């Protein structure tokens, strides 16, 4: 299919075939190793939101407990 796209298709499909060929190994690695840092990014976003809501609080322990509760550590 890639060869057909590269040699027999329109210019846009030629470019697509070249791009897929150039990025073939990283694309396969992405599907092979599905681990990413989305959970970490989600917690970081929650913590920033909590920090904005609690602007001016001086007690770090209360902030820490609020983060743990909202991230589901304590049910």
PDB file of N, CA and C in Angstrom:
ATOM      1  N   UNK A   1       0.821  -1.184   0.000  1.00  0.00           N
ATOM      2  CA  UNK A   1       0.000   0.000   0.000  1.00  0.00           C
ATOM      3  C   UNK A   1       0.869   1.253   0.000  1.00  0.00           C
ATOM      4  N   UNK A   2       1.960   1.212   0.794  1.00  0.00           N
ATOM      5  CA  UNK A   2       2.859   2.365   0.843  1.00  0.00           C
ATOM      6  C   UNK A   2       3.498   2.607  -0.524  1.00  0.00           C
ATOM      7  N   UNK A   3       3.942   1.544  -1.186  1.00  0.00           N
ATOM      8  CA  UNK A   3       4.552   1.704  -2.508  1.00  0.00           C
ATOM      9  C   UNK A   3       3.535   2.252  -3.497  1.00  0.00           C
ATOM     10  N   UNK A   4       2.320   1.749  -3.426  1.00  0.00           N
ATOM     11  CA  UNK A   4       1.270   2.226  -4.321  1.00  0.00           C
ATOM     12  C   UNK A   4       0.995   3.708  -4.072  1.00  0.00           C
ATOM     13  N   UNK A   5       0.929   4.111  -2.809  1.00  0.00           N
ATOM     14  CA  UNK A   5       0.711   5.519  -2.487  1.00  0.00           C
ATOM     15  C   UNK A   5       1.863   6.371  -2.994  1.00  0.00           C
ATOM     16  N   UNK A   6       3.074   5.841  -2.859  1.00  0.00           N
ATOM     17  CA  UNK A   6       4.253   6.623  -3.189  1.00  0.00           C
ATOM     18  C   UNK A   6       4.389   6.839  -4.694  1.00  0.00           C
ATOM     19  N   UNK A   7       4.065   5.839  -5.485  1.00  0.00           N
ATOM     20  CA  UNK A   7       4.362   5.929  -6.913  1.00  0.00           C
ATOM     21  C   UNK A   7       3.141   6.107  -7.808  1.00  0.00           C
ATOM     22  N   UNK A   8       1.965   5.744  -7.346  1.00  0.00           N
ATOM     23  CA  UNK A   8       0.812   5.761  -8.242  1.00  0.00           C
ATOM     24  C   UNK A   8      -0.266   6.757  -7.823  1.00  0.00           C
ATOM     25  N   UNK A   9      -0.114   7.415  -6.725  1.00  0.00           N
ATOM     26  CA  UNK A   9      -1.183   8.272  -6.218  1.00  0.00           C
ATOM     27  C   UNK A   9      -0.860   9.746  -6.471  1.00  0.00           C
ATOM     28  N   UNK A  10      -1.743  10.590  -5.992  1.00  0.00           N
ATOM     29  CA  UNK A  10      -1.564  12.029  -6.163  1.00  0.00           C
ATOM     30  C   UNK A  10      -0.407  12.518  -5.304  1.00  0.00           C
ATOM     31  N   UNK A  11      -0.067  13.772  -5.485  1.00  0.00           N
ATOM     32  CA  UNK A  11       1.060  14.367  -4.759  1.00  0.00           C
ATOM     33  C   UNK A  11       0.826  14.353  -3.246  1.00  0.00           C
ATOM     34  N   UNK A  12      -0.404  14.563  -2.827  1.00  0.00           N
ATOM     35  CA  UNK A  12      -0.704  14.565  -1.387  1.00  0.00           C
ATOM     36  C   UNK A  12      -0.449  13.195  -0.778  1.00  0.00           C
ATOM     37  N   UNK A  13      -0.864  12.139  -1.491  1.00  0.00           N
ATOM     38  CA  UNK A  13      -0.616  10.792  -0.976  1.00  0.00           C
ATOM     39  C   UNK A  13       0.871  10.457  -1.014  1.00  0.00           C
ATOM     40  N   UNK A  14       1.593  10.992  -1.971  1.00  0.00           N
ATOM     41  CA  UNK A  14       3.053  10.808  -1.996  1.00  0.00           C
ATOM     42  C   UNK A  14       3.670  11.382  -0.731  1.00  0.00           C
ATOM     43  N   UNK A  15       3.251  12.588  -0.392  1.00  0.00           N
ATOM     44  CA  UNK A  15       3.780  13.232   0.824  1.00  0.00           C
ATOM     45  C   UNK A  15       3.396  12.437   2.069  1.00  0.00           C
ATOM     46  N   UNK A  16       2.160  11.944   2.105  1.00  0.00           N
ATOM     47  CA  UNK A  16       1.716  11.132   3.235  1.00  0.00           C
ATOM     48  C   UNK A  16       2.545   9.859   3.343  1.00  0.00           C
ATOM     49  N   UNK A  17       2.798   9.205   2.232  1.00  0.00           N
ATOM     50  CA  UNK A  17       3.602   7.980   2.233  1.00  0.00           C
ATOM     51  C   UNK A  17       5.019   8.269   2.721  1.00  0.00           C
ATOM     52  N   UNK A  18       5.589   9.383   2.305  1.00  0.00           N
ATOM     53  CA  UNK A  18       6.944   9.736   2.747  1.00  0.00           C
ATOM     54  C   UNK A  18       6.964  10.027   4.249  1.00  0.00           C
ATOM     55  N   UNK A  19       5.961  10.749   4.714  1.00  0.00           N
ATOM     56  CA  UNK A  19       5.888  11.059   6.148  1.00  0.00           C
ATOM     57  C   UNK A  19       5.747   9.790   6.975  1.00  0.00           C
ATOM     58  N   UNK A  20       4.872   8.889   6.556  1.00  0.00           N
ATOM     59  CA  UNK A  20       4.693   7.627   7.286  1.00  0.00           C
ATOM     60  C   UNK A  20       5.974   6.808   7.246  1.00  0.00           C
ATOM     61  N   UNK A  21       6.644   6.792   6.110  1.00  0.00           N
ATOM     62  CA  UNK A  21       7.914   6.055   6.007  1.00  0.00           C
ATOM     63  C   UNK A  21       8.969   6.644   6.935  1.00  0.00           C
ATOM     64  N   UNK A  22       9.050   7.973   6.972  1.00  0.00           N
ATOM     65  CA  UNK A  22      10.053   8.626   7.829  1.00  0.00           C
ATOM     66  C   UNK A  22       9.779   8.389   9.311  1.00  0.00           C
ATOM     67  N   UNK A  23       8.518   8.338   9.684  1.00  0.00           N
ATOM     68  CA  UNK A  23       8.139   8.213  11.087  1.00  0.00           C
ATOM     69  C   UNK A  23       7.682   6.807  11.445  1.00  0.00           C
ATOM     70  N   UNK A  24       7.956   5.822  10.620  1.00  0.00           N
ATOM     71  CA  UNK A  24       7.436   4.477  10.834  1.00  0.00           C
ATOM     72  C   UNK A  24       7.875   3.884  12.175  1.00  0.00           C
ATOM     73  N   UNK A  25       9.165   3.940  12.478  1.00  0.00           N
ATOM     74  CA  UNK A  25       9.673   3.355  13.734  1.00  0.00           C
ATOM     75  C   UNK A  25       9.070   4.035  14.970  1.00  0.00           C
ATOM     76  N   UNK A  26       9.050   5.388  15.040  1.00  0.00           N
ATOM     77  CA  UNK A  26       8.417   6.004  16.214  1.00  0.00           C
ATOM     78  C   UNK A  26       6.928   5.685  16.339  1.00  0.00           C
ATOM     79  N   UNK A  27       6.227   5.578  15.208  1.00  0.00           N
ATOM     80  CA  UNK A  27       4.796   5.242  15.255  1.00  0.00           C
ATOM     81  C   UNK A  27       4.604   3.839  15.820  1.00  0.00           C
ATOM     82  N   UNK A  28       5.419   2.897  15.379  1.00  0.00           N
ATOM     83  CA  UNK A  28       5.323   1.524  15.888  1.00  0.00           C
ATOM     84  C   UNK A  28       5.660   1.483  17.376  1.00  0.00           C
ATOM     85  N   UNK A  29       6.697   2.221  17.787  1.00  0.00           N
ATOM     86  CA  UNK A  29       7.053   2.266  19.219  1.00  0.00           C
ATOM     87  C   UNK A  29       5.911   2.838  20.045  1.00  0.00           C
ATOM     88  N   UNK A  30       5.215   3.847  19.507  1.00  0.00           N
ATOM     89  CA  UNK A  30       4.103   4.443  20.244  1.00  0.00           C
ATOM     90  C   UNK A  30       3.023   3.397  20.529  1.00  0.00           C
ATOM     91  N   UNK A  31       2.712   2.544  19.571  1.00  0.00           N
ATOM     92  CA  UNK A  31       1.687   1.520  19.770  1.00  0.00           C
ATOM     93  C   UNK A  31       2.215   0.340  20.565  1.00  0.00           C
ATOM     94  N   UNK A  32       3.528   0.094  20.482  1.00  0.00           N
ATOM     95  CA  UNK A  32       4.130  -1.042  21.190  1.00  0.00           C
ATOM     96  C   UNK A  32       4.274  -0.748  22.676  1.00  0.00           C
ATOM     97  N   UNK A  33       4.745   0.433  23.004  1.00  0.00           N
ATOM     98  CA  UNK A  33       4.965   0.829  24.397  1.00  0.00           C
ATOM     99  C   UNK A  33       3.984   1.939  24.723  1.00  0.00           C
ATOM    100  N   UNK A  34       2.881   1.582  25.359  1.00  0.00           N
ATOM    101  CA  UNK A  34       1.787   2.534  25.532  1.00  0.00           C
ATOM    102  C   UNK A  34       1.880   3.359  26.811  1.00  0.00           C
ATOM    103  N   UNK A  35       2.962   3.250  27.530  1.00  0.00           N
ATOM    104  CA  UNK A  35       3.068   4.019  28.766  1.00  0.00           C
ATOM    105  C   UNK A  35       3.326   5.487  28.444  1.00  0.00           C
ATOM    106  N   UNK A  36       2.651   6.362  29.178  1.00  0.00           N
ATOM    107  CA  UNK A  36       2.887   7.793  29.042  1.00  0.00           C
ATOM    108  C   UNK A  36       2.702   8.436  30.408  1.00  0.00           C
ATOM    109  N   UNK A  37       2.800   9.744  30.456  1.00  0.00           N
ATOM    110  CA  UNK A  37       2.723  10.407  31.753  1.00  0.00           C
ATOM    111  C   UNK A  37       1.401  11.137  31.941  1.00  0.00           C
ATOM    112  N   UNK A  38       0.320  10.640  31.365  1.00  0.00           N
ATOM    113  CA  UNK A  38      -0.964  11.328  31.459  1.00  0.00           C
ATOM    114  C   UNK A  38      -1.489  11.372  32.898  1.00  0.00           C
ATOM    115  N   UNK A  39      -1.256  10.325  33.665  1.00  0.00           N
ATOM    116  CA  UNK A  39      -1.716  10.321  35.063  1.00  0.00           C
ATOM    117  C   UNK A  39      -0.983  11.399  35.849  1.00  0.00           C
ATOM    118  N   UNK A  40       0.317  11.485  35.652  1.00  0.00           N
ATOM    119  CA  UNK A  40       1.110  12.508  36.336  1.00  0.00           C
ATOM    120  C   UNK A  40       0.643  13.900  35.939  1.00  0.00           C
ATOM    121  N   UNK A  41       0.409  14.114  34.653  1.00  0.00           N
ATOM    122  CA  UNK A  41      -0.057  15.413  34.179  1.00  0.00           C
ATOM    123  C   UNK A  41      -1.429  15.745  34.759  1.00  0.00           C
ATOM    124  N   UNK A  42      -2.291  14.757  34.895  1.00  0.00           N
ATOM    125  CA  UNK A  42      -3.607  14.987  35.481  1.00  0.00           C
ATOM    126  C   UNK A  42      -3.520  15.408  36.935  1.00  0.00           C
ATOM    127  N   UNK A  43      -2.683  14.720  37.695  1.00  0.00           N
ATOM    128  CA  UNK A  43      -2.490  15.098  39.100  1.00  0.00           C
ATOM    129  C   UNK A  43      -1.882  16.492  39.204  1.00  0.00           C
ATOM    130  N   UNK A  44      -0.930  16.787  38.333  1.00  0.00           N
ATOM    131  CA  UNK A  44      -0.289  18.102  38.355  1.00  0.00           C
ATOM    132  C   UNK A  44      -1.315  19.199  38.077  1.00  0.00           C
ATOM    133  N   UNK A  45      -2.209  18.946  37.119  1.00  0.00           N
ATOM    134  CA  UNK A  45      -3.260  19.920  36.799  1.00  0.00           C
ATOM    135  C   UNK A  45      -4.191  20.128  37.985  1.00  0.00           C
ATOM    136  N   UNK A  46      -4.571  19.031  38.656  1.00  0.00           N
ATOM    137  CA  UNK A  46      -5.435  19.148  39.838  1.00  0.00           C
ATOM    138  C   UNK A  46      -4.752  19.951  40.928  1.00  0.00           C
ATOM    139  N   UNK A  47      -3.464  19.680  41.134  1.00  0.00           N
ATOM    140  CA  UNK A  47      -2.732  20.383  42.184  1.00  0.00           C
ATOM    141  C   UNK A  47      -2.657  21.883  41.886  1.00  0.00           C
ATOM    142  N   UNK A  48      -2.451  22.241  40.636  1.00  0.00           N
ATOM    143  CA  UNK A  48      -2.401  23.659  40.278  1.00  0.00           C
ATOM    144  C   UNK A  48      -3.766  24.317  40.495  1.00  0.00           C
ATOM    145  N   UNK A  49      -4.841  23.597  40.163  1.00  0.00           N
ATOM    146  CA  UNK A  49      -6.181  24.128  40.376  1.00  0.00           C
ATOM    147  C   UNK A  49      -6.449  24.334  41.863  1.00  0.00           C
ATOM    148  N   UNK A  50      -6.076  23.373  42.670  1.00  0.00           N
ATOM    149  CA  UNK A  50      -6.253  23.496  44.124  1.00  0.00           C
ATOM    150  C   UNK A  50      -5.441  24.669  44.653  1.00  0.00           C
ATOM    151  N   UNK A  51      -4.228  24.811  44.141  1.00  0.00           N
ATOM    152  CA  UNK A  51      -3.359  25.898  44.592  1.00  0.00           C
ATOM    153  C   UNK A  51      -3.977  27.257  44.253  1.00  0.00           C
ATOM    154  N   UNK A  52      -4.603  27.371  43.077  1.00  0.00           N
ATOM    155  CA  UNK A  52      -5.257  28.626  42.705  1.00  0.00           C
ATOM    156  C   UNK A  52      -6.450  28.915  43.614  1.00  0.00           C
ATOM    157  N   UNK A  53      -7.207  27.862  43.949  1.00  0.00           N
ATOM    158  CA  UNK A  53      -8.375  28.051  44.809  1.00  0.00           C
ATOM    159  C   UNK A  53      -7.954  28.401  46.232  1.00  0.00           C
ATOM    160  N   UNK A  54      -6.800  27.926  46.674  1.00  0.00           N
ATOM    161  CA  UNK A  54      -6.364  28.111  48.057  1.00  0.00           C
ATOM    162  C   UNK A  54      -5.302  29.195  48.172  1.00  0.00           C
ATOM    163  N   UNK A  55      -5.319  30.156  47.275  1.00  0.00           N
ATOM    164  CA  UNK A  55      -4.316  31.218  47.298  1.00  0.00           C
ATOM    165  C   UNK A  55      -4.359  31.952  48.629  1.00  0.00           C
ATOM    166  N   UNK A  56      -3.215  32.083  49.242  1.00  0.00           N
ATOM    167  CA  UNK A  56      -3.121  32.796  50.509  1.00  0.00           C
ATOM    168  C   UNK A  56      -3.092  31.897  51.729  1.00  0.00           C
ATOM    169  N   UNK A  57      -3.416  30.610  51.569  1.00  0.00           N
ATOM    170  CA  UNK A  57      -3.334  29.706  52.716  1.00  0.00           C
ATOM    171  C   UNK A  57      -1.871  29.509  53.089  1.00  0.00           C
ATOM    172  N   UNK A  58      -1.616  29.474  54.367  1.00  0.00           N
ATOM    173  CA  UNK A  58      -0.236  29.372  54.817  1.00  0.00           C
ATOM    174  C   UNK A  58       0.140  27.979  55.318  1.00  0.00           C
ATOM    175  N   UNK A  59      -0.843  27.125  55.554  1.00  0.00           N
ATOM    176  CA  UNK A  59      -0.575  25.819  56.129  1.00  0.00           C
ATOM    177  C   UNK A  59      -0.398  24.794  55.000  1.00  0.00           C
ATOM    178  N   UNK A  60       0.835  24.343  54.778  1.00  0.00           N
ATOM    179  CA  UNK A  60       1.125  23.396  53.698  1.00  0.00           C
ATOM    180  C   UNK A  60       0.459  22.043  53.945  1.00  0.00           C
ATOM    181  N   UNK A  61       0.328  21.650  55.194  1.00  0.00           N
ATOM    182  CA  UNK A  61      -0.278  20.350  55.510  1.00  0.00           C
ATOM    183  C   UNK A  61      -1.732  20.291  55.040  1.00  0.00           C
ATOM    184  N   UNK A  62      -2.481  21.390  55.212  1.00  0.00           N
ATOM    185  CA  UNK A  62      -3.863  21.421  54.711  1.00  0.00           C
ATOM    186  C   UNK A  62      -3.892  21.289  53.187  1.00  0.00           C
ATOM    187  N   UNK A  63      -2.981  21.976  52.510  1.00  0.00           N
ATOM    188  CA  UNK A  63      -2.890  21.881  51.051  1.00  0.00           C
ATOM    189  C   UNK A  63      -2.576  20.445  50.643  1.00  0.00           C
ATOM    190  N   UNK A  64      -1.631  19.822  51.320  1.00  0.00           N
ATOM    191  CA  UNK A  64      -1.233  18.443  51.024  1.00  0.00           C
ATOM    192  C   UNK A  64      -2.417  17.496  51.198  1.00  0.00           C
ATOM    193  N   UNK A  65      -3.137  17.631  52.296  1.00  0.00           N
ATOM    194  CA  UNK A  65      -4.302  16.770  52.546  1.00  0.00           C
ATOM    195  C   UNK A  65      -5.394  16.991  51.495  1.00  0.00           C
ATOM    196  N   UNK A  66      -5.608  18.234  51.114  1.00  0.00           N
ATOM    197  CA  UNK A  66      -6.619  18.525  50.097  1.00  0.00           C
ATOM    198  C   UNK A  66      -6.248  17.881  48.767  1.00  0.00           C
ATOM    199  N   UNK A  67      -4.968  17.939  48.400  1.00  0.00           N
ATOM    200  CA  UNK A  67      -4.507  17.293  47.171  1.00  0.00           C
ATOM    201  C   UNK A  67      -4.746  15.785  47.236  1.00  0.00           C
ATOM    202  N   UNK A  68      -4.384  15.174  48.350  1.00  0.00           N
ATOM    203  CA  UNK A  68      -4.556  13.729  48.493  1.00  0.00           C
ATOM    204  C   UNK A  68      -6.032  13.327  48.409  1.00  0.00           C
ATOM    205  N   UNK A  69      -6.906  14.098  49.015  1.00  0.00           N
ATOM    206  CA  UNK A  69      -8.336  13.780  48.981  1.00  0.00           C
ATOM    207  C   UNK A  69      -8.881  13.924  47.565  1.00  0.00           C
ATOM    208  N   UNK A  70      -8.573  15.020  46.897  1.00  0.00           N
ATOM    209  CA  UNK A  70      -9.112  15.262  45.561  1.00  0.00           C
ATOM    210  C   UNK A  70      -8.500  14.349  44.508  1.00  0.00           C
ATOM    211  N   UNK A  71      -7.324  13.792  44.771  1.00  0.00           N
ATOM    212  CA  UNK A  71      -6.710  12.847  43.826  1.00  0.00           C
ATOM    213  C   UNK A  71      -7.111  11.401  44.118  1.00  0.00           C
ATOM    214  N   UNK A  72      -7.958  11.199  45.106  1.00  0.00           N
ATOM    215  CA  UNK A  72      -8.521   9.885  45.354  1.00  0.00           C
ATOM    216  C   UNK A  72      -7.711   8.996  46.270  1.00  0.00           C
ATOM    217  N   UNK A  73      -6.771   9.545  47.016  1.00  0.00           N
ATOM    218  CA  UNK A  73      -5.981   8.709  47.923  1.00  0.00           C
ATOM    219  C   UNK A  73      -6.823   8.326  49.125  1.00  0.00           C
ATOM    220  N   UNK A  74      -7.591   9.275  49.655  1.00  0.00           N
ATOM    221  CA  UNK A  74      -8.492   9.015  50.784  1.00  0.00           C
ATOM    222  C   UNK A  74      -9.916   8.994  50.231  1.00  0.00           C
ATOM    223  N   UNK A  75     -10.656   7.972  50.535  1.00  0.00           N
ATOM    224  CA  UNK A  75     -12.041   7.877  50.035  1.00  0.00           C
ATOM    225  C   UNK A  75     -13.011   8.176  51.105  1.00  0.00           C
TER     226      UNK A  75
END
